[in-house]
Amino acid sequence: MKSTKGKTNKEEISLDVLFELSEFFKFFSDTTRIRIIEILLHGEMSVNDIADKLKIGQSAVSHQLRLLRTSHLVRPRRDGRTVFYALDDEHIGLIFQTGLNHILHKKRALP
């Protein structure tokens, strides 16, 4: 796979990388996952605390966290029997905030 580091606007990005990008953005297409990401912007939290905040079952939260974990959007940390989750890195917060800023900008621009 070709590296995209240092790409300029004139260079093509490989189809493999564009496919990976498409797959990556699919994980942002679910409201529950977006809500989990928004909660984790404020720091690490246990599965049960996330479920309480969302007012949905722990198994539904665990399912979404499993998807987010396999896509490298969140990372787990175990402390005894409790699993805590955090955003995988600062890029996830930046992507969330950029998307949110775009939506809010469009809403303010409407008559």
Foldseek 3Di string as FASTA:
>chain_A
DDDCPPPDPVDDDDPVVVVLVVVLCVLVVDPLLLLLQVVQVVHKDWLVVSCVVVVHDSVVSVVNVVVCVVSQQKDWDDDPPIIIIHGNDVVSVVVSVVVVVVVVVVVVPDD
